[in-house]
Amino acid sequence: MPATAERAGAIATLERYFEFERFGTTWKTESLAGATTFMTMAYIIFVNPSILKETGMPFDAVVAATCLCAAFGSILMGVIARIPLALAPGMGLNAYFTYTVVLGMGIPWQTALGAVFLSGVAFLILTLAGIRQWILAAIPQQLHGAVAAGIGLFIAMIGLRNAGIIVANPSTMVALGNLRAPHTLLAIGGLLLIAALTAWGVRAAMLIGILATTLTGVALGLAEWSPHVYRVSAIAATAGQLDIRAALNIGLLEIVFVFLFVDLFDNVGTLVGVAKSAGLMDASGNIPRLRNIFVADSAATIAGSLAGTSTVTSYIESASGVVAGGRTGVTAIVAGLLFALSIFFAPLVGAVPAAATAPALIVVGSLMVTHIGEIPWADASIAIPAFLTLITIPLTFSIANGLAFGFTSYALLRIASGKFRTTHWLVYLLAALFIARFIYLGST
């Protein structure tokens, strides 16, 4: 009996720490949400190594590094920040690392990892100094709904592309894909299943849909599975191989800045979108434990560079766990534990086809777009920046770009409407930085 009572007391303490009562959640709900988040993010386990191997980094080593840093970052986020936000090496940043820095500039991957390390340290310094928190606070509350809705469109667009429902077209940019293609039909079936389960109020709708679609794909021969054992020891080929001294060279400051800038605003946008969907923001638009959130993110990037992978950042796919009912850090912890286990079961994780996760992203996107109703469309000084934010996020395939367009137009309209003095000075400083970034991008 004493052991049972002690165990019950420990569980009750954890439930209070993670505020289960406040959010009306349970261990079962949080665990299902964590598994859902992991399933929608699991593609990174193989996509990230596939990109980074072009630099000469060993594939198996990057698989191990990807799993371990995603596990570390997600678990740390869950424990100290208590928010359902999972982390992993960021898409886009890994492409910049490979194709621009290493292959384009001819910089060794060890030196590029050193630049990632420096950007992580800079993140941590900015967090401890309170600057990242100021930047988030400077985003007008009226634009929060636009960021969340824009991310919803972004997620849905990724899902539609991965499903083959939309494809690239040189004349119209995008077009309808081949709806008779086997993988597309599989994705459409998964979409109908997840949509129906969601409509019926099934909390595990996403996870059930992903697993059912995967099993169907395996049965029909549409899911590839190549038996191969990935060992933790493989990480020795990249762990600790970063060259910080070379990265301190003045010529690499531009690279460090890009890693810092893109991750900063992608992370801020993702945080706003996920926190808003989860109902974590208070009436003033504040997010609790913001310092801890940014510390976890910074530490994950530093750990990733030490393990042997590009910048680690928060994932918009975390919204799938929120839709599944996740409201606390337990969701992130479960996702992190599954990333840790996946290093031993990587081939099984690789069997999950894009056609199985794409439907979940589409449904999540549709639910996040509901925040569009929070935008005061009658006020042009808000409506136009909000529209630019939500439309440029998916069309430029970048949360950072969407924030840049929305933020800059908001600042300019505040000046044009004579409301310059009632707006925080940091809004104008950030707008100036965004304009400088646009000028820089236009000259490259």
Protein backbone atom coordinates (compact mmCIF):
# COMPACT_ATOMS: atom_id res chain seq x y z
CA MET A 1 0.00 0.00 0.00
CA PRO A 2 2.70 2.56 0.85
CA ALA A 3 4.34 1.99 -2.55
CA THR A 4 0.99 2.38 -4.30
CA ALA A 5 0.21 5.58 -2.39
CA GLU A 6 3.68 6.94 -3.15
CA ARG A 7 3.21 6.20 -6.84
CA ALA A 8 -0.21 7.85 -6.86
CA GLY A 9 1.27 10.89 -5.12
CA ALA A 10 4.04 11.15 -7.71
CA ILE A 11 1.51 10.97 -10.55
CA ALA A 12 -0.64 13.63 -8.91
CA THR A 13 2.42 15.87 -8.52
CA LEU A 14 3.23 15.50 -12.22
CA GLU A 15 -0.36 16.27 -13.16
CA ARG A 16 -0.22 19.46 -11.12
CA TYR A 17 3.12 20.42 -12.65
CA PHE A 18 1.77 20.00 -16.18
CA GLU A 19 -1.58 21.61 -15.23
CA PHE A 20 -3.77 18.71 -16.32
CA GLU A 21 -6.79 20.05 -14.44
CA ARG A 22 -6.50 23.51 -15.98
CA PHE A 23 -6.52 22.12 -19.51
CA GLY A 24 -8.93 19.29 -18.81
CA THR A 25 -6.53 16.72 -20.22
CA THR A 26 -5.38 13.20 -19.33
CA TRP A 27 -2.30 11.02 -19.75
CA LYS A 28 -4.06 9.09 -22.51
CA THR A 29 -4.92 12.25 -24.44
CA GLU A 30 -1.42 13.71 -24.08
CA SER A 31 0.19 10.42 -25.10
CA LEU A 32 -1.98 10.11 -28.21
CA ALA A 33 -1.23 13.73 -29.07
CA GLY A 34 2.50 13.13 -28.69
CA ALA A 35 2.35 10.06 -30.91
CA THR A 36 0.39 12.06 -33.49
CA THR A 37 2.97 14.85 -33.48
CA PHE A 38 5.76 12.32 -33.88
CA MET A 39 4.05 10.55 -36.78
CA THR A 40 3.59 13.80 -38.71
CA MET A 41 7.23 14.78 -38.06
CA ALA A 42 8.86 11.37 -38.53
CA TYR A 43 9.70 12.07 -42.16
CA ILE A 44 12.59 14.27 -40.96
CA ILE A 45 14.45 11.17 -39.73
CA PHE A 46 15.24 10.28 -43.33
CA VAL A 47 14.73 13.55 -45.20
CA ASN A 48 17.30 15.44 -43.12
CA PRO A 49 20.08 12.84 -43.64
CA SER A 50 19.20 12.63 -47.34
CA ILE A 51 19.90 16.36 -47.67
CA LEU A 52 22.95 16.58 -45.40
CA LYS A 53 24.67 13.55 -46.95
CA GLU A 54 25.26 15.73 -50.03
CA THR A 55 27.86 17.56 -47.93
CA GLY A 56 29.80 14.35 -47.35
CA MET A 57 28.31 13.70 -43.90
CA PRO A 58 27.67 9.95 -43.32
CA PHE A 59 23.97 9.11 -43.75
CA ASP A 60 23.74 6.76 -40.73
CA ALA A 61 25.49 9.29 -38.49
CA VAL A 62 23.02 12.03 -39.42
CA VAL A 63 20.08 9.65 -38.86
CA ALA A 64 21.34 9.08 -35.31
CA ALA A 65 22.03 12.79 -34.79
CA THR A 66 18.57 13.73 -36.09
CA CYS A 67 16.82 11.30 -33.75
CA LEU A 68 18.88 12.24 -30.70
CA CYS A 69 18.67 16.02 -31.06
CA ALA A 70 14.92 15.85 -31.83
CA ALA A 71 14.50 13.73 -28.71
CA PHE A 72 16.63 16.08 -26.59
CA GLY A 73 14.94 19.26 -27.83
CA SER A 74 11.37 17.96 -27.59
CA ILE A 75 11.82 16.45 -24.12
CA LEU A 76 13.57 19.58 -22.83
CA MET A 77 10.77 21.74 -24.25
CA GLY A 78 8.17 19.57 -22.57
CA VAL A 79 9.91 19.48 -19.20
CA ILE A 80 10.97 23.11 -18.69
CA ALA A 81 8.49 24.98 -20.91
CA ARG A 82 5.50 22.62 -20.53
CA ILE A 83 4.19 23.38 -24.00
CA PRO A 84 3.15 20.84 -26.70
CA LEU A 85 5.88 21.96 -29.09
CA ALA A 86 8.23 19.39 -30.62
CA LEU A 87 11.60 20.17 -32.20
CA ALA A 88 13.83 18.67 -34.90
CA PRO A 89 16.34 19.83 -37.54
CA GLY A 90 14.54 22.46 -39.61
CA MET A 91 13.65 22.01 -43.25
CA GLY A 92 14.93 24.89 -45.35
CA LEU A 93 17.76 25.52 -42.93
CA ASN A 94 19.20 22.09 -43.72
CA ALA A 95 18.95 22.92 -47.44
CA TYR A 96 20.70 26.26 -46.85
CA PHE A 97 23.37 24.42 -44.84
CA THR A 98 23.96 21.92 -47.66
CA TYR A 99 23.44 23.70 -50.95
CA THR A 100 24.40 27.29 -50.13
CA VAL A 101 27.00 27.05 -47.38
CA VAL A 102 28.81 23.75 -48.06
CA LEU A 103 28.31 23.09 -51.76
CA GLY A 104 27.83 26.71 -52.89
CA MET A 105 30.57 28.39 -50.83
CA GLY A 106 32.85 25.39 -50.57
CA ILE A 107 32.92 25.49 -46.77
CA PRO A 108 33.61 22.16 -45.01
CA TRP A 109 30.61 20.71 -43.22
CA GLN A 110 32.58 20.75 -39.97
CA THR A 111 32.93 24.52 -40.25
CA ALA A 112 29.26 24.90 -41.17
CA LEU A 113 28.37 23.00 -37.99
CA GLY A 114 30.53 25.49 -36.12
CA ALA A 115 28.41 28.30 -37.58
CA VAL A 116 25.25 26.51 -36.40
CA PHE A 117 26.80 26.24 -32.93
CA LEU A 118 27.55 29.97 -32.88
CA SER A 119 23.99 30.80 -33.95
CA GLY A 120 22.69 28.62 -31.11
CA VAL A 121 24.90 30.41 -28.60
CA ALA A 122 23.72 33.76 -29.99
CA PHE A 123 20.12 32.56 -29.57
CA LEU A 124 20.81 31.70 -25.95
CA ILE A 125 22.42 35.08 -25.26
CA LEU A 126 19.51 36.91 -26.89
CA THR A 127 17.10 34.86 -24.77
CA LEU A 128 18.90 35.48 -21.48
CA ALA A 129 19.04 39.18 -22.35
CA GLY A 130 15.29 39.16 -22.99
CA ILE A 131 15.63 40.32 -26.60
CA ARG A 132 13.80 37.35 -28.17
CA GLN A 133 10.94 37.92 -25.72
CA TRP A 134 10.81 41.59 -26.75
CA ILE A 135 10.62 40.60 -30.40
CA LEU A 136 7.68 38.28 -29.77
CA ALA A 137 5.95 40.95 -27.66
CA ALA A 138 6.43 43.46 -30.49
CA ILE A 139 4.26 41.41 -32.87
CA PRO A 140 0.88 43.19 -32.82
CA GLN A 141 -1.76 41.04 -31.16
CA GLN A 142 -4.06 41.70 -34.12
CA LEU A 143 -1.62 39.80 -36.35
CA HIS A 144 -1.56 36.68 -34.17
CA GLY A 145 -4.66 35.31 -35.88
CA ALA A 146 -3.12 36.00 -39.29
CA VAL A 147 0.06 34.12 -38.34
CA ALA A 148 -1.92 31.11 -37.11
CA ALA A 149 -4.17 31.10 -40.20
CA GLY A 150 -1.17 31.57 -42.52
CA ILE A 151 0.59 28.62 -40.93
CA GLY A 152 -2.63 26.63 -41.36
CA LEU A 153 -2.60 27.38 -45.10
CA PHE A 154 1.11 26.53 -45.18
CA ILE A 155 0.56 23.16 -43.49
CA ALA A 156 -2.38 22.37 -45.76
CA MET A 157 -0.37 23.28 -48.84
CA ILE A 158 2.44 20.94 -47.77
CA GLY A 159 -0.11 18.20 -47.20
CA LEU A 160 -1.77 18.71 -50.58
CA ARG A 161 1.63 18.64 -52.28
CA ASN A 162 2.81 15.53 -50.44
CA ALA A 163 -0.47 13.83 -51.32
CA GLY A 164 -0.03 14.65 -55.01
CA ILE A 165 -3.34 16.51 -55.06
CA ILE A 166 -1.53 19.65 -56.19
CA VAL A 167 1.61 19.73 -58.32
CA ALA A 168 3.97 22.36 -59.70
CA ASN A 169 3.04 23.88 -63.04
CA PRO A 170 5.28 26.26 -65.04
CA SER A 171 2.29 28.19 -66.40
CA THR A 172 0.04 28.50 -63.37
CA MET A 173 2.55 27.79 -60.56
CA VAL A 174 0.32 25.04 -59.17
CA ALA A 175 -2.21 22.70 -60.74
CA LEU A 176 -4.34 19.69 -59.93
CA GLY A 177 -2.33 16.48 -59.76
CA ASN A 178 -3.22 13.05 -61.11
CA LEU A 179 -6.05 11.96 -58.83
CA ARG A 180 -5.85 8.43 -60.25
CA ALA A 181 -2.27 7.92 -59.10
CA PRO A 182 -2.09 5.15 -56.46
CA HIS A 183 -0.34 7.24 -53.81
CA THR A 184 -2.77 10.12 -54.34
CA LEU A 185 -5.77 7.81 -54.05
CA LEU A 186 -4.28 6.40 -50.85
CA ALA A 187 -3.89 9.94 -49.46
CA ILE A 188 -7.45 10.88 -50.42
CA GLY A 189 -8.73 7.78 -48.63
CA GLY A 190 -6.71 8.74 -45.55
CA LEU A 191 -8.07 12.29 -45.74
CA LEU A 192 -11.66 11.07 -45.81
CA LEU A 193 -10.99 8.74 -42.86
CA ILE A 194 -9.33 11.42 -40.70
CA ALA A 195 -11.99 14.00 -41.62
CA ALA A 196 -14.79 11.59 -40.70
CA LEU A 197 -13.16 10.61 -37.40
CA THR A 198 -12.54 14.28 -36.57
CA ALA A 199 -16.17 15.12 -37.36
CA TRP A 200 -17.25 12.33 -35.01
CA GLY A 201 -15.11 13.86 -32.25
CA VAL A 202 -12.56 11.02 -32.06
CA ARG A 203 -9.49 12.43 -30.26
CA ALA A 204 -7.15 9.87 -31.86
CA ALA A 205 -8.43 10.67 -35.36
CA MET A 206 -5.02 11.75 -36.68
CA LEU A 207 -3.09 8.81 -35.28
CA ILE A 208 -5.71 6.25 -36.34
CA GLY A 209 -5.83 7.75 -39.83
CA ILE A 210 -2.04 7.76 -40.24
CA LEU A 211 -1.66 4.18 -39.02
CA ALA A 212 -4.62 2.89 -41.07
CA THR A 213 -3.34 4.60 -44.22
CA THR A 214 0.17 3.25 -43.62
CA LEU A 215 -1.09 -0.32 -43.18
CA THR A 216 -3.19 0.02 -46.32
CA GLY A 217 -0.15 1.33 -48.19
CA VAL A 218 1.97 -1.59 -46.99
CA ALA A 219 -0.73 -4.08 -48.02
CA LEU A 220 -0.96 -2.50 -51.49
CA GLY A 221 2.81 -2.28 -51.91
CA LEU A 222 2.77 1.53 -51.80
CA ALA A 223 5.00 1.86 -48.73
CA GLU A 224 8.70 1.13 -49.07
CA TRP A 225 10.58 -0.67 -46.33
CA SER A 226 14.29 -1.43 -46.53
CA PRO A 227 15.64 -3.46 -43.57
CA HIS A 228 18.71 -1.72 -42.18
CA VAL A 229 19.98 -1.43 -38.62
CA TYR A 230 20.88 2.05 -37.38
CA ARG A 231 23.09 2.09 -34.32
CA VAL A 232 23.72 4.91 -31.86
CA SER A 233 27.45 4.36 -32.37
CA ALA A 234 27.11 5.66 -35.96
CA ILE A 235 26.89 9.18 -34.54
CA ALA A 236 30.62 9.06 -33.76
CA ALA A 237 31.32 10.08 -37.37
CA THR A 238 29.73 13.52 -36.84
CA ALA A 239 29.54 14.07 -33.07
CA GLY A 240 32.03 16.66 -31.88
CA GLN A 241 33.37 17.20 -35.39
CA LEU A 242 32.31 20.85 -35.61
CA ASP A 243 35.04 23.44 -36.22
CA ILE A 244 34.13 26.49 -34.15
CA ARG A 245 37.47 28.21 -34.63
CA ALA A 246 37.09 28.21 -38.42
CA ALA A 247 33.49 29.42 -38.08
CA LEU A 248 34.66 32.43 -36.09
CA ASN A 249 36.29 33.71 -39.25
CA ILE A 250 34.75 37.10 -40.12
CA GLY A 251 33.68 35.77 -43.53
CA LEU A 252 31.21 33.40 -41.86
CA LEU A 253 29.31 36.06 -39.93
CA GLU A 254 26.82 36.29 -42.81
CA ILE A 255 26.13 32.55 -42.55
CA VAL A 256 25.66 32.73 -38.77
CA PHE A 257 23.27 35.66 -39.25
CA VAL A 258 21.14 33.74 -41.78
CA PHE A 259 20.89 30.72 -39.45
CA LEU A 260 19.98 33.11 -36.63
CA PHE A 261 17.50 35.28 -38.55
CA VAL A 262 15.52 32.55 -40.33
CA ASP A 263 15.27 30.31 -37.27
CA LEU A 264 14.32 33.24 -35.04
CA PHE A 265 11.30 34.31 -37.05
CA ASP A 266 10.26 30.82 -38.16
CA ASN A 267 10.33 29.82 -34.51
CA VAL A 268 8.39 32.89 -33.36
CA GLY A 269 5.73 32.34 -36.01
CA THR A 270 5.40 28.64 -35.18
CA LEU A 271 5.19 29.42 -31.48
CA VAL A 272 2.40 31.96 -31.99
CA GLY A 273 0.46 29.61 -34.27
CA VAL A 274 0.70 26.55 -32.01
CA ALA A 275 0.16 28.49 -28.76
CA LYS A 276 -2.92 30.19 -30.17
CA SER A 277 -4.39 26.90 -31.40
CA ALA A 278 -3.75 25.28 -28.01
CA GLY A 279 -5.34 28.17 -26.11
CA LEU A 280 -2.12 28.89 -24.22
CA MET A 281 -2.17 32.66 -24.77
CA ASP A 282 -3.75 34.92 -22.18
CA ALA A 283 -6.08 37.81 -22.98
CA SER A 284 -3.11 40.10 -23.66
CA GLY A 285 -1.56 37.67 -26.12
CA ASN A 286 1.21 36.57 -23.74
CA ILE A 287 2.63 33.04 -23.73
CA PRO A 288 3.61 31.57 -20.34
CA ARG A 289 7.20 30.47 -19.63
CA LEU A 290 8.42 32.20 -22.76
CA ARG A 291 12.00 32.38 -21.49
CA ASN A 292 12.06 28.62 -20.93
CA ILE A 293 10.66 28.01 -24.41
CA PHE A 294 13.47 29.97 -26.02
CA VAL A 295 16.12 28.43 -23.76
CA ALA A 296 14.99 24.95 -24.84
CA ASP A 297 15.09 25.97 -28.49
CA SER A 298 18.58 27.48 -28.16
CA ALA A 299 19.91 24.46 -26.27
CA ALA A 300 18.51 22.12 -28.93
CA THR A 301 20.34 23.98 -31.71
CA ILE A 302 23.60 23.86 -29.75
CA ALA A 303 23.11 20.14 -29.05
CA GLY A 304 22.30 19.52 -32.71
CA SER A 305 25.54 21.14 -33.87
CA LEU A 306 27.50 19.05 -31.36
CA ALA A 307 25.76 15.85 -32.48
CA GLY A 308 26.16 16.60 -36.17
CA THR A 309 23.12 18.19 -37.76
CA SER A 310 21.90 21.58 -38.95
CA THR A 311 19.78 24.04 -36.94
CA VAL A 312 17.11 22.49 -34.69
CA THR A 313 13.84 24.40 -34.53
CA SER A 314 10.19 24.04 -33.49
CA TYR A 315 7.92 22.26 -35.97
CA ILE A 316 4.63 23.46 -37.35
CA GLU A 317 3.55 19.80 -37.38
CA SER A 318 3.21 20.18 -33.60
CA ALA A 319 -0.20 21.62 -34.43
CA SER A 320 -1.35 18.09 -35.29
CA GLY A 321 -0.78 17.08 -31.67
CA VAL A 322 -2.71 20.13 -30.50
CA VAL A 323 -5.64 19.16 -32.73
CA ALA A 324 -5.42 15.66 -31.21
CA GLY A 325 -5.94 17.23 -27.77
CA GLY A 326 -2.38 17.91 -26.61
CA ARG A 327 -2.16 20.90 -24.29
CA THR A 328 0.85 20.29 -22.06
CA GLY A 329 4.53 19.47 -22.21
CA VAL A 330 3.73 15.76 -21.92
CA THR A 331 2.81 15.85 -25.62
CA ALA A 332 6.31 17.09 -26.50
CA ILE A 333 7.94 14.61 -24.12
CA VAL A 334 6.11 11.65 -25.69
CA ALA A 335 7.13 12.84 -29.16
CA GLY A 336 10.72 13.16 -27.93
CA LEU A 337 10.74 9.67 -26.44
CA LEU A 338 9.47 8.25 -29.72
CA PHE A 339 12.28 10.04 -31.56
CA ALA A 340 14.75 8.44 -29.14
CA LEU A 341 13.26 4.99 -29.74
CA SER A 342 13.14 5.49 -33.49
CA ILE A 343 16.92 5.30 -33.72
CA PHE A 344 16.50 1.57 -33.09
CA PHE A 345 13.42 1.20 -35.29
CA ALA A 346 14.26 3.63 -38.08
CA PRO A 347 13.29 1.20 -40.89
CA LEU A 348 9.77 0.87 -39.43
CA VAL A 349 9.45 4.65 -39.15
CA GLY A 350 10.60 4.93 -42.76
CA ALA A 351 7.73 2.69 -43.84
CA VAL A 352 5.24 5.49 -43.09
CA PRO A 353 4.56 6.98 -46.57
CA ALA A 354 3.96 10.67 -47.26
CA ALA A 355 0.47 9.67 -48.38
CA ALA A 356 -0.27 8.71 -44.76
CA THR A 357 0.89 11.93 -43.08
CA ALA A 358 -0.32 14.32 -45.80
CA PRO A 359 -4.04 13.93 -44.91
CA ALA A 360 -3.30 14.80 -41.27
CA LEU A 361 -1.54 18.00 -42.33
CA ILE A 362 -4.48 19.00 -44.53
CA VAL A 363 -6.98 18.54 -41.70
CA VAL A 364 -4.74 20.39 -39.22
CA GLY A 365 -4.42 23.24 -41.70
CA SER A 366 -8.17 23.50 -42.12
CA LEU A 367 -8.66 23.75 -38.36
CA MET A 368 -5.95 26.40 -37.91
CA VAL A 369 -7.48 28.64 -40.57
CA THR A 370 -10.45 29.23 -38.24
CA HIS A 371 -8.33 31.93 -36.56
CA ILE A 372 -8.93 34.10 -39.61
CA GLY A 373 -12.20 35.17 -37.97
CA GLU A 374 -10.27 36.98 -35.22
CA ILE A 375 -8.86 39.55 -37.65
CA PRO A 376 -10.65 42.95 -37.65
CA TRP A 377 -11.16 43.10 -41.42
CA ALA A 378 -12.98 46.43 -41.26
CA ASP A 379 -9.75 48.16 -40.20
CA ALA A 380 -7.56 48.43 -43.30
CA SER A 381 -4.46 49.26 -41.24
CA ILE A 382 -4.76 45.77 -39.71
CA ALA A 383 -6.55 43.87 -42.47
CA ILE A 384 -3.92 44.53 -45.16
CA PRO A 385 -0.90 43.47 -43.05
CA ALA A 386 -2.91 40.47 -41.83
CA PHE A 387 -3.76 39.44 -45.37
CA LEU A 388 -0.15 39.83 -46.51
CA THR A 389 0.97 37.71 -43.56
CA LEU A 390 -1.41 34.83 -44.12
CA ILE A 391 -1.02 34.73 -47.92
CA THR A 392 2.77 35.09 -48.15
CA ILE A 393 3.51 32.36 -45.58
CA PRO A 394 2.25 29.56 -47.88
CA LEU A 395 3.10 31.21 -51.20
CA THR A 396 6.73 31.93 -50.30
CA PHE A 397 6.98 28.65 -48.36
CA SER A 398 8.36 30.53 -45.36
CA ILE A 399 6.90 31.63 -42.04
CA ALA A 400 9.72 34.17 -41.73
CA ASN A 401 8.81 35.79 -45.06
CA GLY A 402 5.16 36.01 -44.06
CA LEU A 403 6.06 37.73 -40.80
CA ALA A 404 8.37 40.07 -42.71
CA PHE A 405 5.65 41.20 -45.15
CA GLY A 406 3.03 41.57 -42.45
CA PHE A 407 5.30 43.31 -39.97
CA THR A 408 6.75 45.75 -42.50
CA SER A 409 3.37 46.71 -43.97
CA TYR A 410 1.94 47.13 -40.46
CA ALA A 411 4.74 49.55 -39.50
CA LEU A 412 4.43 51.56 -42.72
CA LEU A 413 0.65 51.84 -42.37
CA ARG A 414 1.03 53.01 -38.76
CA ILE A 415 3.22 55.83 -40.04
CA ALA A 416 0.90 56.63 -42.97
CA SER A 417 -2.17 56.75 -40.69
CA GLY A 418 -0.50 59.10 -38.21
CA LYS A 419 -0.27 56.51 -35.42
CA PHE A 420 3.50 56.49 -35.32
CA ARG A 421 3.82 57.60 -31.71
CA THR A 422 1.37 55.04 -30.33
CA THR A 423 3.40 52.10 -31.68
CA HIS A 424 6.33 50.48 -29.88
CA TRP A 425 9.74 51.53 -31.23
CA LEU A 426 10.77 47.89 -31.62
CA VAL A 427 8.12 47.48 -34.34
CA TYR A 428 9.95 50.03 -36.48
CA LEU A 429 13.36 48.58 -35.73
CA LEU A 430 12.24 45.10 -36.78
CA ALA A 431 10.53 46.52 -39.87
CA ALA A 432 13.83 48.20 -40.82
CA LEU A 433 15.65 44.88 -40.37
CA PHE A 434 13.09 43.14 -42.57
CA ILE A 435 13.48 45.80 -45.26
CA ALA A 436 17.28 45.39 -45.08
CA ARG A 437 16.79 41.65 -45.48
CA PHE A 438 14.60 42.14 -48.55
CA ILE A 439 17.25 44.43 -50.07
CA TYR A 440 19.94 41.85 -49.33
CA LEU A 441 17.92 38.99 -50.83
CA GLY A 442 17.22 41.10 -53.91
CA SER A 443 20.92 41.66 -54.50
CA THR A 444 21.90 37.97 -54.31
